[in-house]
Protein backbone atom coordinates (compact mmCIF):
# COMPACT_ATOMS: atom_id res chain seq x y z
CA UNK A 1 0.03 -0.02 -0.02
CA UNK A 2 1.35 3.43 -0.80
CA UNK A 3 2.17 5.67 2.12
CA UNK A 4 2.97 8.78 0.01
CA UNK A 5 0.27 10.05 -2.32
CA UNK A 6 0.72 13.74 -2.24
CA UNK A 7 2.55 14.47 -5.43
CA UNK A 8 0.46 15.89 -8.12
CA UNK A 9 1.29 16.86 -11.84
CA UNK A 10 1.29 20.42 -12.32
CA UNK A 11 -1.90 20.24 -14.52
CA UNK A 12 -3.70 18.56 -11.54
CA UNK A 13 -4.80 15.59 -13.65
CA UNK A 14 -2.23 13.03 -12.29
CA UNK A 15 -1.76 11.99 -8.65
CA UNK A 16 1.41 9.69 -7.84
CA UNK A 17 1.95 7.54 -4.82
CA UNK A 18 4.47 4.97 -3.81
CA UNK A 19 5.21 2.64 -0.69
CA UNK A 20 7.62 0.06 0.40
CA UNK A 21 7.38 -1.81 -2.68
CA UNK A 22 9.49 -0.97 -5.72
CA UNK A 23 6.44 0.58 -7.48
CA UNK A 24 5.23 4.12 -8.14
CA UNK A 25 1.54 4.27 -9.10
CA UNK A 26 -0.10 6.87 -11.28
CA UNK A 27 -3.74 7.90 -11.03
CA UNK A 28 -6.12 9.73 -13.12
CA UNK A 29 -7.75 12.25 -10.77
CA UNK A 30 -10.68 13.01 -12.64
CA UNK A 31 -11.90 9.35 -13.47
CA UNK A 32 -10.18 7.80 -10.51
CA UNK A 33 -8.44 5.08 -12.24
CA UNK A 34 -4.85 3.62 -12.35
CA UNK A 35 -3.05 5.07 -15.30
CA UNK A 36 0.09 3.15 -15.08
CA UNK A 37 2.90 2.10 -12.79
CA UNK A 38 6.73 3.03 -12.65
CA UNK A 39 9.32 0.72 -11.36
CA UNK A 40 11.74 2.07 -8.71
CA UNK A 41 12.11 1.92 -4.93
CA UNK A 42 11.66 5.54 -3.87
CA UNK A 43 12.02 7.92 -0.84
CA UNK A 44 10.71 11.12 -2.74
CA UNK A 45 9.27 12.09 -6.19
CA UNK A 46 8.84 15.51 -7.98
CA UNK A 47 7.26 16.59 -11.30
CA UNK A 48 8.91 19.15 -13.38
CA UNK A 49 6.80 22.37 -13.97
CA UNK A 50 5.72 21.36 -17.49
CA UNK A 51 4.68 17.86 -15.95
CA UNK A 52 6.87 16.04 -18.92
CA UNK A 53 9.38 14.76 -16.52
CA UNK A 54 9.15 12.64 -12.99
CA UNK A 55 12.13 12.57 -11.05
CA UNK A 56 12.52 10.05 -8.07
CA UNK A 57 15.05 9.70 -5.20
CA UNK A 58 16.28 6.20 -4.66
CA UNK A 59 18.97 5.72 -2.07
CA UNK A 60 22.03 7.95 -3.66
CA UNK A 61 20.44 7.75 -7.14
CA UNK A 62 18.13 10.01 -9.14
CA UNK A 63 15.74 8.27 -11.51
CA UNK A 64 14.04 10.39 -14.38
CA UNK A 65 11.03 9.29 -16.28
CA UNK A 66 9.09 10.59 -19.37
CA UNK A 67 5.62 11.26 -17.78
CA UNK A 68 3.88 10.60 -21.17
CA UNK A 69 5.04 7.13 -22.01
CA UNK A 70 6.40 6.19 -18.58
CA UNK A 71 9.91 5.11 -19.77
CA UNK A 72 12.97 5.58 -17.71
CA UNK A 73 15.08 8.12 -19.46
CA UNK A 74 18.21 8.38 -16.90
CA UNK A 75 19.68 7.19 -13.68
CA UNK A 76 22.23 9.69 -12.21
CA UNK A 77 24.38 9.01 -9.11
CA UNK A 78 24.02 11.94 -6.58
CA UNK A 79 26.84 13.19 -4.47
CA UNK A 80 25.13 12.30 -1.32
CA UNK A 81 24.92 8.81 0.03
CA UNK A 82 21.25 9.10 0.60
CA UNK A 83 18.98 11.28 -1.33
CA UNK A 84 16.13 12.53 1.04
CA UNK A 85 14.27 15.00 -1.34
CA UNK A 86 14.40 16.83 -4.60
CA UNK A 87 12.72 19.90 -6.30
CA UNK A 88 12.52 21.14 -9.73
CA UNK A 89 13.25 24.77 -10.34
CA UNK A 90 10.83 26.86 -12.34
CA UNK A 91 12.87 26.70 -15.57
CA UNK A 92 12.27 22.95 -15.65
CA UNK A 93 16.06 22.28 -16.34
CA UNK A 94 17.47 23.00 -12.82
CA UNK A 95 16.87 20.28 -10.18
CA UNK A 96 17.77 20.41 -6.48
CA UNK A 97 18.70 17.31 -4.45
CA UNK A 98 19.07 17.26 -0.82
CA UNK A 99 20.57 14.34 1.25
CA UNK A 100 22.40 12.89 4.07
CA UNK A 101 22.35 9.81 6.44
CA UNK A 102 21.19 9.92 10.11
CA UNK A 103 23.74 8.83 12.64
CA UNK A 104 26.77 9.80 10.78
CA UNK A 105 29.15 12.87 11.06
CA UNK A 106 28.18 15.48 8.73
CA UNK A 107 31.30 15.14 6.69
CA UNK A 108 30.70 11.50 6.14
CA UNK A 109 26.90 11.83 5.75
CA UNK A 110 27.24 14.22 2.76
CA UNK A 111 24.92 16.83 4.26
CA UNK A 112 24.94 19.06 1.24
CA UNK A 113 22.68 20.44 -1.39
CA UNK A 114 23.27 19.92 -5.00
CA UNK A 115 22.13 21.69 -8.02
CA UNK A 116 21.80 19.83 -11.34
CA UNK A 117 21.40 21.04 -14.86
CA UNK A 118 21.01 18.98 -17.93
CA UNK A 119 22.28 15.63 -16.33
CA UNK A 120 25.31 17.27 -14.48
CA UNK A 121 25.95 18.74 -10.99
CA UNK A 122 26.67 22.55 -11.40
CA UNK A 123 27.01 23.46 -7.89
CA UNK A 124 27.26 21.66 -4.26
CA UNK A 125 26.24 23.95 -1.45
CA UNK A 126 27.67 23.29 1.87
CA UNK A 127 26.42 24.96 5.07
CA UNK A 128 24.18 22.54 6.98
CA UNK A 129 25.70 20.56 9.81
CA UNK A 130 23.22 17.62 9.71
CA UNK A 131 21.40 15.64 7.09
CA UNK A 132 19.23 17.83 4.76
CA UNK A 133 15.72 16.89 4.70
CA UNK A 134 13.68 18.99 2.13
CA UNK A 135 14.17 21.83 -0.32
CA UNK A 136 12.09 24.12 -2.21
CA UNK A 137 12.54 27.00 -4.91
CA UNK A 138 10.91 30.36 -4.79
CA UNK A 139 8.53 31.14 -7.67
CA UNK A 140 11.07 33.22 -9.54
CA UNK A 141 14.00 30.55 -9.21
CA UNK A 142 16.45 32.81 -7.68
CA UNK A 143 16.18 31.51 -4.04
CA UNK A 144 16.46 27.83 -2.92
CA UNK A 145 15.39 27.06 0.91
CA UNK A 146 16.73 23.86 2.46
CA UNK A 147 15.76 22.40 5.80
CA UNK A 148 18.00 20.00 7.92
CA UNK A 149 18.08 17.96 10.82
CA UNK A 150 20.58 20.47 12.43
CA UNK A 151 17.10 22.51 12.98
CA UNK A 152 18.15 25.18 10.65
CA UNK A 153 16.79 26.65 7.17
CA UNK A 154 19.13 28.18 4.83
CA UNK A 155 18.19 30.42 1.86
CA UNK A 156 20.54 30.11 -0.87
CA UNK A 157 20.83 32.98 -3.62
CA UNK A 158 20.71 31.23 -7.08
CA UNK A 159 20.85 32.78 -10.34
CA UNK A 160 19.57 30.41 -13.08
CA UNK A 161 20.89 32.94 -15.77
CA UNK A 162 24.45 32.01 -15.10
CA UNK A 163 26.15 29.15 -17.03
CA UNK A 164 26.16 25.68 -15.66
CA UNK A 165 29.85 26.23 -14.71
CA UNK A 166 29.36 29.11 -12.53
CA UNK A 167 28.93 27.54 -8.96
CA UNK A 168 29.81 30.86 -7.19
CA UNK A 169 26.51 32.09 -7.88
CA UNK A 170 25.07 30.11 -5.05
CA UNK A 171 26.42 30.82 -1.69
CA UNK A 172 25.50 30.86 1.97
CA UNK A 173 25.91 33.48 4.63
CA UNK A 174 28.32 33.31 7.70
CA UNK A 175 26.26 33.34 10.82
CA UNK A 176 27.65 34.71 14.14
CA UNK A 177 25.91 32.32 16.24
CA UNK A 178 22.78 29.99 15.94
CA UNK A 179 19.71 31.50 17.39
CA UNK A 180 15.84 31.03 16.53
CA UNK A 181 14.34 33.94 14.68
CA UNK A 182 17.71 35.63 13.74
CA UNK A 183 17.98 37.26 10.35
CA UNK A 184 21.46 38.11 8.92
CA UNK A 185 22.34 41.75 7.54
CA UNK A 186 22.20 40.42 4.03
CA UNK A 187 18.83 38.98 4.30
CA UNK A 188 19.93 35.23 4.03
CA UNK A 189 17.81 33.72 6.88
CA UNK A 190 18.75 31.04 9.22
CA UNK A 191 15.99 29.95 11.66
CA UNK A 192 14.61 27.20 13.69
CA UNK A 193 13.00 24.53 11.84
CA UNK A 194 10.62 21.67 13.12
CA UNK A 195 12.50 18.50 13.92
CA UNK A 196 11.73 15.83 11.25
CA UNK A 197 13.83 12.58 11.03
CA UNK A 198 14.56 11.44 7.69
CA UNK A 199 14.27 7.71 6.91
CA UNK A 200 17.16 5.72 8.20
CA UNK A 201 18.81 3.57 5.64
CA UNK A 202 21.51 1.43 6.97
CA UNK A 203 21.66 -0.53 3.79
CA UNK A 204 19.40 -0.68 0.58
CA UNK A 205 17.35 -3.84 0.19
CA UNK A 206 14.47 -4.77 -2.15
CA UNK A 207 12.17 -7.43 -1.80
CA UNK A 208 10.46 -8.69 -4.88
CA UNK A 209 7.90 -11.37 -4.38
CA UNK A 210 5.63 -13.76 -6.66
CA UNK A 211 2.21 -12.59 -6.96
CA UNK A 212 0.09 -12.60 -3.85
CA UNK A 213 -2.54 -14.96 -5.48
CA UNK A 214 0.40 -17.48 -6.59
CA UNK A 215 1.79 -17.53 -3.03
CA UNK A 216 -1.56 -18.36 -1.51
CA UNK A 217 -2.10 -20.96 -3.99
CA UNK A 218 1.06 -22.47 -3.49
CA UNK A 219 0.31 -22.54 0.35
CA UNK A 220 -2.99 -24.15 -0.04
CA UNK A 221 -1.47 -26.72 -2.25
CA UNK A 222 1.10 -27.47 0.51
CA UNK A 223 -1.84 -27.60 3.14
CA UNK A 224 -3.66 -30.12 0.85
CA UNK A 225 -0.51 -32.42 0.77
CA UNK A 226 -0.02 -32.62 4.42
CA UNK A 227 -3.72 -33.27 5.01
CA UNK A 228 -3.63 -36.19 2.41
CA UNK A 229 -1.13 -37.87 4.33
CA UNK A 230 -3.52 -39.62 6.94
CA UNK A 231 -5.75 -40.79 4.26
CA UNK A 232 -2.91 -42.25 2.39
CA UNK A 233 -1.56 -44.05 5.57
CA UNK A 234 -5.04 -45.50 6.13
CA UNK A 235 -5.26 -46.72 2.68
CA UNK A 236 -2.08 -48.62 2.72
CA UNK A 237 -2.43 -50.21 6.17
CA UNK A 238 -6.08 -51.23 5.18
CA UNK A 239 -8.22 -49.09 7.28
CA UNK A 240 -11.80 -49.04 6.06
CA UNK A 241 -14.61 -46.95 7.47
CA UNK A 242 -12.88 -45.76 10.46
CA UNK A 243 -10.48 -42.87 11.18
CA UNK A 244 -6.76 -43.74 11.21
CA UNK A 245 -5.50 -44.29 14.80
CA UNK A 246 -2.12 -45.38 16.46
CA UNK A 247 -3.07 -48.83 17.06
CA UNK A 248 -3.79 -49.25 13.14
CA UNK A 249 -0.10 -48.15 12.65
CA UNK A 250 1.12 -50.73 15.32
CA UNK A 251 -0.87 -53.68 13.71
CA UNK A 252 0.50 -52.88 10.31
CA UNK A 253 2.73 -55.08 8.55
CA UNK A 254 6.59 -54.04 8.07
CA UNK A 255 6.15 -53.71 4.14
CA UNK A 256 3.12 -51.73 4.76
CA UNK A 257 4.83 -49.04 7.09
CA UNK A 258 7.83 -48.98 4.60
CA UNK A 259 5.32 -48.16 1.68
CA UNK A 260 3.64 -45.77 3.58
CA UNK A 261 6.86 -43.77 4.75
CA UNK A 262 8.15 -43.84 1.26
CA UNK A 263 4.91 -42.44 -0.05
CA UNK A 264 3.97 -39.99 2.77
CA UNK A 265 7.46 -38.47 3.57
CA UNK A 266 7.82 -36.64 0.33
CA UNK A 267 4.36 -35.25 0.77
CA UNK A 268 5.03 -33.98 4.29
CA UNK A 269 8.43 -32.45 3.07
CA UNK A 270 6.95 -30.73 0.04
CA UNK A 271 3.82 -29.49 1.71
CA UNK A 272 5.85 -27.88 4.82
CA UNK A 273 8.18 -26.40 2.47
CA UNK A 274 5.36 -24.95 0.34
CA UNK A 275 3.60 -23.60 3.59
CA UNK A 276 6.63 -22.30 5.21
CA UNK A 277 8.34 -20.70 2.06
CA UNK A 278 5.56 -19.32 0.08
CA UNK A 279 5.50 -15.84 2.07
CA UNK A 280 9.16 -15.35 0.76
CA UNK A 281 8.98 -16.84 -2.68
CA UNK A 282 10.73 -14.47 -4.86
CA UNK A 283 14.10 -12.39 -4.80
CA UNK A 284 15.78 -10.38 -2.14
CA UNK A 285 18.36 -8.00 -3.06
CA UNK A 286 21.04 -6.67 -0.75
CA UNK A 287 24.10 -4.64 -0.96
CA UNK A 288 26.31 -7.74 -1.53
CA UNK A 289 24.01 -10.60 -2.59
CA UNK A 290 20.92 -11.22 -4.68
CA UNK A 291 19.01 -14.23 -3.10
CA UNK A 292 16.80 -16.22 -5.22
CA UNK A 293 14.22 -17.88 -3.01
CA UNK A 294 12.71 -21.07 -4.13
CA UNK A 295 10.54 -23.63 -2.53
CA UNK A 296 13.20 -26.11 -1.61
CA UNK A 297 16.32 -23.98 -1.70
CA UNK A 298 17.72 -20.28 -1.91
CA UNK A 299 20.31 -19.33 -4.74
CA UNK A 300 22.73 -16.59 -3.95
CA UNK A 301 24.22 -14.74 -6.66
CA UNK A 302 27.04 -12.01 -5.98
CA UNK A 303 25.85 -8.56 -6.74
CA UNK A 304 29.13 -7.73 -8.13
CA UNK A 305 29.22 -10.70 -10.61
CA UNK A 306 25.57 -10.40 -11.80
CA UNK A 307 25.28 -9.05 -15.50
CA UNK A 308 21.57 -8.93 -16.46
CA UNK A 309 18.04 -10.60 -16.46
CA UNK A 310 16.51 -12.44 -19.36
CA UNK A 311 13.28 -14.38 -20.49
CA UNK A 312 13.79 -17.68 -21.86
CA UNK A 313 11.81 -19.04 -25.03
CA UNK A 314 9.41 -20.94 -22.72
CA UNK A 315 8.64 -18.01 -20.57
CA UNK A 316 11.13 -18.72 -17.68
CA UNK A 317 13.00 -15.85 -16.01
CA UNK A 318 16.78 -15.97 -15.12
CA UNK A 319 19.50 -13.86 -13.65
CA UNK A 320 22.56 -13.83 -15.61
CA UNK A 321 26.05 -13.82 -13.75
CA UNK A 322 29.63 -14.88 -13.92
CA UNK A 323 31.63 -17.14 -11.65
CA UNK A 324 35.14 -16.50 -10.26
CA UNK A 325 36.66 -17.73 -13.71
CA UNK A 326 34.35 -15.53 -15.72
CA UNK A 327 32.22 -18.51 -16.99
CA UNK A 328 28.61 -17.27 -17.74
CA UNK A 329 26.03 -18.84 -15.16
CA UNK A 330 22.39 -18.40 -14.61
CA UNK A 331 19.75 -18.60 -11.74
CA UNK A 332 16.32 -19.54 -12.64
CA UNK A 333 13.59 -17.23 -10.78
CA UNK A 334 10.72 -19.57 -10.45
CA UNK A 335 8.50 -16.78 -8.81
CA UNK A 336 8.25 -14.84 -12.11
CA UNK A 337 8.48 -17.67 -14.45
CA UNK A 338 5.82 -19.37 -16.60
CA UNK A 339 6.14 -22.68 -18.61
CA UNK A 340 4.56 -23.57 -22.06
CA UNK A 341 1.86 -25.59 -19.95
CA UNK A 342 0.73 -22.53 -17.79
CA UNK A 343 -2.91 -21.40 -19.07
CA UNK A 344 -3.03 -18.42 -21.29
CA UNK A 345 -5.49 -16.77 -18.99
CA UNK A 346 -3.23 -17.37 -15.88
CA UNK A 347 0.05 -16.10 -17.77
CA UNK A 348 -1.94 -13.05 -18.69
CA UNK A 349 -3.06 -12.30 -15.19
CA UNK A 350 0.60 -12.55 -13.72
CA UNK A 351 2.24 -10.83 -16.77
CA UNK A 352 1.98 -7.33 -15.51
CA UNK A 353 3.30 -8.17 -11.78
CA UNK A 354 6.06 -10.36 -13.39
CA UNK A 355 7.31 -7.98 -15.92
CA UNK A 356 7.43 -5.06 -13.39
CA UNK A 357 9.37 -7.31 -10.78
CA UNK A 358 11.80 -8.16 -13.56
CA UNK A 359 12.27 -4.56 -14.48
CA UNK A 360 12.80 -3.63 -10.90
CA UNK A 361 15.36 -6.52 -10.57
CA UNK A 362 17.13 -5.41 -13.85
CA UNK A 363 17.54 -1.87 -12.62
CA UNK A 364 18.96 -3.03 -9.34
CA UNK A 365 21.43 -4.96 -11.13
CA UNK A 366 22.37 -2.03 -13.46
CA UNK A 367 22.93 0.09 -10.75
CA UNK A 368 24.94 -2.28 -8.50
CA UNK A 369 26.78 -4.69 -10.69
CA UNK A 370 30.40 -4.30 -11.67
CA UNK A 371 30.79 -7.34 -13.66
CA UNK A 372 31.06 -6.92 -17.60
CA UNK A 373 27.97 -7.93 -19.54
CA UNK A 374 27.52 -11.45 -21.00
CA UNK A 375 27.74 -11.91 -24.48
CA UNK A 376 25.16 -14.43 -25.93
CA UNK A 377 24.00 -16.33 -22.94
CA UNK A 378 24.75 -19.79 -22.84
CA UNK A 379 23.88 -22.13 -20.10
CA UNK A 380 27.11 -23.09 -18.16
């Protein structure tokens, strides 16, 4: 469920929202219908003044989409280790990003304001002593206000008419001491701001799970297998018209007990595995490893060796990676796979969820992997 739904396109027609899953939802305000989805695990989003571009803050990355066709146009690395907020200037070309990580010294946390124009940083504004939480441009674009966890608001004087290389156009005043409600002689104001804690991000983790209906179905299948075990044993030991009881098992022949164990044990193991592992069926992406959760095992793929994601001709989904010797490998992702025997209606029902999850996984690998891309994929 989305926990941020307060970002509206300037024309007032589109409402955006995002939550803990790697998805941004776009709603049509007039018709109250879902227009589309964008893939990304975000902390903050902003529309450009003309509404054509949507920017999102994801960890230390900035993601830019074309709002018309909802395609990802660029992924940029911000100077801060964690981007907390971003804002477009009135000209639509200037983008301000603010960031910093709670619990770290200001130098390590990178508590600064960065100004972007045409895909590159034109100025970095240092002045806050704590993580910066939010920023907003004035209507004329000449002033940028930033608020931080140091309980201070700084007004930066900007000049959008200067060239991108002129970082001296942005500066902050030197303050004699910190005090609430004080105004400096040159009208650059520094005052108390409400305390607001930014999201604590020790490390970045993305959880991509199979469709909820598929997970529920597999859990029910596992319960069904477990419930079938007593009936199976009763048939083998010759219990008719009665409920299986311990004395029936004690009177059974050794051969019957062996047969019951051989047939019932796989059902019990499989049923328990389906029930226990269905909630985590999918992929978990951490800073150093990608965990592919299956029903009977978990495959670990080092992030630095992952090279991409692909669909097979039969509908399967695979993560491509290279081992220590550079040989291409693959890890099948059953949570987002279909087979030739999957009914067309079921495959169509799962397609949107599976493709969105694979897009998120592909984006994660592109941002974190360091291995060279694989050539024509071969199963090794």
